[in-house]
C-alpha atoms as a PDB file:
ATOM      1  CA  MET A   1       5.358 -30.648   0.379  1.00  0.00           C
ATOM      2  CA  SER A   2       2.426 -28.714   1.784  1.00  0.00           C
ATOM      3  CA  ARG A   3       0.741 -25.903  -0.124  1.00  0.00           C
ATOM      4  CA  TYR A   4      -0.066 -24.072   3.119  1.00  0.00           C
ATOM      5  CA  ARG A   5       1.245 -20.541   3.308  1.00  0.00           C
ATOM      6  CA  PRO A   6       0.920 -18.579   6.526  1.00  0.00           C
ATOM      7  CA  PRO A   7      -1.182 -15.425   6.156  1.00  0.00           C
ATOM      8  CA  ARG A   8       0.639 -12.230   5.301  1.00  0.00           C
ATOM      9  CA  THR A   9       1.032  -9.837   8.187  1.00  0.00           C
ATOM     10  CA  ALA A  10      -1.183  -6.791   7.752  1.00  0.00           C
ATOM     11  CA  GLY A  11       1.488  -4.272   8.684  1.00  0.00           C
ATOM     12  CA  THR A  12       1.050  -1.040  10.551  1.00  0.00           C
ATOM     13  CA  PRO A  13      -2.612   0.071  10.517  1.00  0.00           C
ATOM     14  CA  LEU A  14      -1.831   3.674   9.531  1.00  0.00           C
ATOM     15  CA  ILE A  15      -2.853   5.407   6.324  1.00  0.00           C
ATOM     16  CA  THR A  16      -2.890   8.928   4.921  1.00  0.00           C
ATOM     17  CA  PRO A  17      -6.214  10.528   3.900  1.00  0.00           C
ATOM     18  CA  GLU A  18      -5.185  10.237   0.232  1.00  0.00           C
ATOM     19  CA  GLY A  19      -4.421   6.527   0.633  1.00  0.00           C
ATOM     20  CA  GLU A  20      -7.758   5.891   2.318  1.00  0.00           C
ATOM     21  CA  ALA A  21      -9.551   7.715  -0.502  1.00  0.00           C
ATOM     22  CA  ARG A  22      -7.779   5.515  -3.073  1.00  0.00           C
ATOM     23  CA  LEU A  23      -8.738   2.308  -1.237  1.00  0.00           C
ATOM     24  CA  ARG A  24     -12.370   3.455  -0.906  1.00  0.00           C
ATOM     25  CA  ALA A  25     -12.435   4.372  -4.622  1.00  0.00           C
ATOM     26  CA  GLU A  26     -11.076   0.918  -5.508  1.00  0.00           C
ATOM     27  CA  LEU A  27     -13.708  -0.741  -3.314  1.00  0.00           C
ATOM     28  CA  HIS A  28     -16.470   1.330  -4.924  1.00  0.00           C
ATOM     29  CA  GLU A  29     -15.195   0.548  -8.432  1.00  0.00           C
ATOM     30  CA  LEU A  30     -15.005  -3.198  -7.741  1.00  0.00           C
ATOM     31  CA  TRP A  31     -18.366  -3.506  -5.983  1.00  0.00           C
ATOM     32  CA  ASN A  32     -20.509  -1.063  -7.958  1.00  0.00           C
ATOM     33  CA  VAL A  33     -18.989  -1.203 -11.447  1.00  0.00           C
ATOM     34  CA  ARG A  34     -16.845  -4.283 -12.139  1.00  0.00           C
ATOM     35  CA  ARG A  35     -18.829  -6.887 -10.191  1.00  0.00           C
ATOM     36  CA  PRO A  36     -22.195  -6.087 -11.859  1.00  0.00           C
ATOM     37  CA  GLN A  37     -20.514  -6.200 -15.296  1.00  0.00           C
ATOM     38  CA  VAL A  38     -18.900  -9.577 -14.624  1.00  0.00           C
ATOM     39  CA  THR A  39     -22.112 -10.952 -13.073  1.00  0.00           C
ATOM     40  CA  GLN A  40     -24.044  -9.949 -16.206  1.00  0.00           C
ATOM     41  CA  ALA A  41     -21.415 -11.579 -18.433  1.00  0.00           C
ATOM     42  CA  VAL A  42     -21.534 -14.797 -16.371  1.00  0.00           C
ATOM     43  CA  SER A  43     -25.314 -14.989 -16.537  1.00  0.00           C
ATOM     44  CA  GLU A  44     -25.225 -14.463 -20.327  1.00  0.00           C
ATOM     45  CA  ALA A  45     -22.550 -17.167 -20.683  1.00  0.00           C
ATOM     46  CA  ALA A  46     -24.578 -19.540 -18.473  1.00  0.00           C
ATOM     47  CA  ALA A  47     -27.586 -19.067 -20.743  1.00  0.00           C
ATOM     48  CA  LEU A  48     -25.597 -20.415 -23.700  1.00  0.00           C
ATOM     49  CA  GLY A  49     -25.759 -23.988 -22.430  1.00  0.00           C
ATOM     50  CA  ASP A  50     -23.139 -26.495 -21.278  1.00  0.00           C
ATOM     51  CA  ARG A  51     -21.156 -24.794 -18.531  1.00  0.00           C
ATOM     52  CA  SER A  52     -18.407 -27.413 -18.293  1.00  0.00           C
ATOM     53  CA  GLU A  53     -16.912 -26.388 -21.650  1.00  0.00           C
ATOM     54  CA  ASN A  54     -17.967 -22.743 -21.628  1.00  0.00           C
ATOM     55  CA  ALA A  55     -14.783 -20.664 -21.344  1.00  0.00           C
ATOM     56  CA  GLU A  56     -16.618 -17.376 -20.826  1.00  0.00           C
ATOM     57  CA  TYR A  57     -18.572 -18.882 -17.919  1.00  0.00           C
ATOM     58  CA  ILE A  58     -15.502 -20.457 -16.286  1.00  0.00           C
ATOM     59  CA  TYR A  59     -13.419 -17.293 -16.701  1.00  0.00           C
ATOM     60  CA  GLY A  60     -16.277 -15.117 -15.431  1.00  0.00           C
ATOM     61  CA  LYS A  61     -16.714 -17.232 -12.300  1.00  0.00           C
ATOM     62  CA  LYS A  62     -12.964 -16.978 -11.672  1.00  0.00           C
ATOM     63  CA  MET A  63     -13.135 -13.190 -12.056  1.00  0.00           C
ATOM     64  CA  LEU A  64     -16.046 -13.033  -9.603  1.00  0.00           C
ATOM     65  CA  ARG A  65     -14.034 -15.002  -7.021  1.00  0.00           C
ATOM     66  CA  GLU A  66     -11.078 -12.637  -7.431  1.00  0.00           C
ATOM     67  CA  ILE A  67     -13.282  -9.534  -7.144  1.00  0.00           C
ATOM     68  CA  ASP A  68     -15.081 -10.920  -4.075  1.00  0.00           C
ATOM     69  CA  SER A  69     -11.765 -11.795  -2.434  1.00  0.00           C
ATOM     70  CA  ARG A  70     -10.391  -8.283  -2.982  1.00  0.00           C
ATOM     71  CA  VAL A  71     -13.655  -6.692  -1.760  1.00  0.00           C
ATOM     72  CA  ARG A  72     -13.533  -8.765   1.440  1.00  0.00           C
ATOM     73  CA  PHE A  73      -9.908  -7.762   1.994  1.00  0.00           C
ATOM     74  CA  LEU A  74     -10.590  -4.050   1.401  1.00  0.00           C
ATOM     75  CA  ARG A  75     -13.636  -3.963   3.684  1.00  0.00           C
ATOM     76  CA  LYS A  76     -11.801  -5.697   6.501  1.00  0.00           C
ATOM     77  CA  ARG A  77      -8.673  -3.585   6.050  1.00  0.00           C
ATOM     78  CA  LEU A  78     -10.570  -0.276   5.913  1.00  0.00           C
ATOM     79  CA  GLU A  79     -12.278  -1.158   9.217  1.00  0.00           C
ATOM     80  CA  ASN A  80      -8.922  -1.542  10.952  1.00  0.00           C
ATOM     81  CA  LEU A  81      -7.031   1.409   9.460  1.00  0.00           C
ATOM     82  CA  LYS A  82      -6.354   4.618  11.373  1.00  0.00           C
ATOM     83  CA  VAL A  83      -6.283   7.712   9.171  1.00  0.00           C
ATOM     84  CA  VAL A  84      -3.495  10.097  10.193  1.00  0.00           C
ATOM     85  CA  SER A  85      -4.437  13.554   8.976  1.00  0.00           C
ATOM     86  CA  GLU A  86      -2.959  15.925  11.538  1.00  0.00           C
ATOM     87  CA  ARG A  87       0.640  17.035  11.775  1.00  0.00           C
ATOM     88  CA  PRO A  88       2.765  15.697  14.645  1.00  0.00           C
ATOM     89  CA  ALA A  89       3.334  17.768  17.778  1.00  0.00           C
ATOM     90  CA  ASP A  90       7.037  18.105  16.894  1.00  0.00           C
ATOM     91  CA  PRO A  91       7.347  18.759  13.119  1.00  0.00           C
ATOM     92  CA  SER A  92      11.144  19.046  13.417  1.00  0.00           C
ATOM     93  CA  LYS A  93      11.363  15.237  13.632  1.00  0.00           C
ATOM     94  CA  VAL A  94      10.430  12.523  11.144  1.00  0.00           C
ATOM     95  CA  TYR A  95       7.069  10.842  11.700  1.00  0.00           C
ATOM     96  CA  PHE A  96       4.336   9.198   9.628  1.00  0.00           C
ATOM     97  CA  GLY A  97       3.328  11.265   6.575  1.00  0.00           C
ATOM     98  CA  ALA A  98       6.548  13.278   6.378  1.00  0.00           C
ATOM     99  CA  TRP A  99       8.398  14.103   3.195  1.00  0.00           C
ATOM    100  CA  VAL A 100      12.068  13.534   4.027  1.00  0.00           C
ATOM    101  CA  THR A 101      15.011  14.650   1.898  1.00  0.00           C
ATOM    102  CA  LEU A 102      18.109  12.543   2.425  1.00  0.00           C
ATOM    103  CA  GLU A 103      21.678  13.050   1.260  1.00  0.00           C
ATOM    104  CA  ASP A 104      24.166  10.217   0.966  1.00  0.00           C
ATOM    105  CA  ASP A 105      27.947  10.301   1.350  1.00  0.00           C
ATOM    106  CA  ASP A 106      28.370  11.160  -2.362  1.00  0.00           C
ATOM    107  CA  GLY A 107      26.156  14.248  -2.053  1.00  0.00           C
ATOM    108  CA  GLU A 108      23.221  12.765  -3.987  1.00  0.00           C
ATOM    109  CA  GLN A 109      19.798  13.664  -2.631  1.00  0.00           C
ATOM    110  CA  VAL A 110      16.603  11.596  -2.602  1.00  0.00           C
ATOM    111  CA  ARG A 111      13.182  12.519  -1.270  1.00  0.00           C
ATOM    112  CA  TYR A 112      10.740  10.025   0.246  1.00  0.00           C
ATOM    113  CA  ARG A 113       7.357  10.226   1.903  1.00  0.00           C
ATOM    114  CA  ILE A 114       6.631   7.820   4.754  1.00  0.00           C
ATOM    115  CA  VAL A 115       3.191   6.261   4.207  1.00  0.00           C
ATOM    116  CA  GLY A 116       1.235   3.186   5.261  1.00  0.00           C
ATOM    117  CA  PRO A 117       1.941  -0.305   3.914  1.00  0.00           C
ATOM    118  CA  ASP A 118      -1.266  -0.220   1.819  1.00  0.00           C
ATOM    119  CA  GLU A 119      -0.232   2.827  -0.189  1.00  0.00           C
ATOM    120  CA  PHE A 120       3.532   2.723  -0.728  1.00  0.00           C
ATOM    121  CA  ASP A 121       4.749   3.300  -4.278  1.00  0.00           C
ATOM    122  CA  VAL A 122       8.460   3.432  -5.041  1.00  0.00           C
ATOM    123  CA  LYS A 123       7.812   5.200  -8.369  1.00  0.00           C
ATOM    124  CA  LEU A 124       6.208   8.081  -6.450  1.00  0.00           C
ATOM    125  CA  ASN A 125       8.964   7.965  -3.789  1.00  0.00           C
ATOM    126  CA  GLN A 126       6.523   6.771  -1.137  1.00  0.00           C
ATOM    127  CA  ILE A 127       7.960   4.181   1.238  1.00  0.00           C
ATOM    128  CA  SER A 128       6.125   2.094   3.811  1.00  0.00           C
ATOM    129  CA  ILE A 129       6.520   2.923   7.463  1.00  0.00           C
ATOM    130  CA  ASP A 130       7.387  -0.775   7.891  1.00  0.00           C
ATOM    131  CA  ALA A 131      10.394  -0.478   5.526  1.00  0.00           C
ATOM    132  CA  PRO A 132      13.854  -0.599   7.152  1.00  0.00           C
ATOM    133  CA  LEU A 133      14.731   2.926   5.958  1.00  0.00           C
ATOM    134  CA  ALA A 134      11.487   4.398   7.311  1.00  0.00           C
ATOM    135  CA  ARG A 135      11.910   2.615  10.649  1.00  0.00           C
ATOM    136  CA  ALA A 136      15.420   4.084  10.890  1.00  0.00           C
ATOM    137  CA  LEU A 137      14.119   7.576  10.055  1.00  0.00           C
ATOM    138  CA  VAL A 138      11.146   7.749  12.446  1.00  0.00           C
ATOM    139  CA  GLY A 139      11.852   9.995  15.418  1.00  0.00           C
ATOM    140  CA  LYS A 140      15.087  11.408  14.016  1.00  0.00           C
ATOM    141  CA  PRO A 141      15.625  15.202  13.880  1.00  0.00           C
ATOM    142  CA  LEU A 142      17.016  17.349  11.074  1.00  0.00           C
ATOM    143  CA  ASP A 143      20.738  16.784  10.299  1.00  0.00           C
ATOM    144  CA  ALA A 144      20.732  13.329  11.924  1.00  0.00           C
ATOM    145  CA  GLU A 145      22.703  10.486  10.369  1.00  0.00           C
ATOM    146  CA  VAL A 146      20.765   7.331   9.513  1.00  0.00           C
ATOM    147  CA  SER A 147      22.356   3.943   8.797  1.00  0.00           C
ATOM    148  CA  VAL A 148      20.496   1.083   7.155  1.00  0.00           C
ATOM    149  CA  HIS A 149      21.777  -2.383   6.321  1.00  0.00           C
ATOM    150  CA  THR A 150      20.968  -3.122   2.656  1.00  0.00           C
ATOM    151  CA  PRO A 151      21.732  -6.161   0.474  1.00  0.00           C
ATOM    152  CA  THR A 152      24.679  -4.211  -0.992  1.00  0.00           C
ATOM    153  CA  GLY A 153      26.029  -3.297   2.445  1.00  0.00           C
ATOM    154  CA  GLU A 154      25.630  -0.581   5.040  1.00  0.00           C
ATOM    155  CA  LYS A 155      24.247   2.729   3.652  1.00  0.00           C
ATOM    156  CA  HIS A 156      24.423   6.093   5.411  1.00  0.00           C
ATOM    157  CA  TRP A 157      22.202   9.114   4.825  1.00  0.00           C
ATOM    158  CA  TYR A 158      21.832  12.530   6.431  1.00  0.00           C
ATOM    159  CA  ILE A 159      18.413  14.115   6.932  1.00  0.00           C
ATOM    160  CA  VAL A 160      18.517  17.392   4.996  1.00  0.00           C
ATOM    161  CA  GLU A 161      14.846  18.444   5.059  1.00  0.00           C
ATOM    162  CA  ILE A 162      11.569  17.418   6.724  1.00  0.00           C
ATOM    163  CA  ASN A 163       8.178  18.603   5.399  1.00  0.00           C
ATOM    164  CA  TYR A 164       4.616  17.723   6.299  1.00  0.00           C
ATOM    165  CA  PRO A 165       1.877  18.279   3.706  1.00  0.00           C
END
């Protein structure tokens, strides 16, 4: 069996200004803080002698590879992202960046923000624009019914409120 895995699709190249700031902060932290620390630790471990049995050296080199890989990814991704900072022309419909309040058939309400695939966080109620629910919501007006096929079956929601920060 082959170990080849096809590359992950990058997703929609949209991001909010807050998401871009977080990615830039992560890049700065990795490149200007973490990498110099790990490089110093690796050079100190290398000075101790035999590198083949030096756990600090081996672990440090592994950490450097992981940091460099993430830095390359962030730099390439930040080049291709489009920051969406202005409100849409029609704020009465759901588009990227909107906070949407939904109500299900039982009357329970949930509130989600539609964000880019690089910044979604379910704990903060931020869903990716590539998610099935977000794709169903985009372009819909207030009071529209949205149906999404989930693993537990078909779910229906009604759009109760749309806000743009």
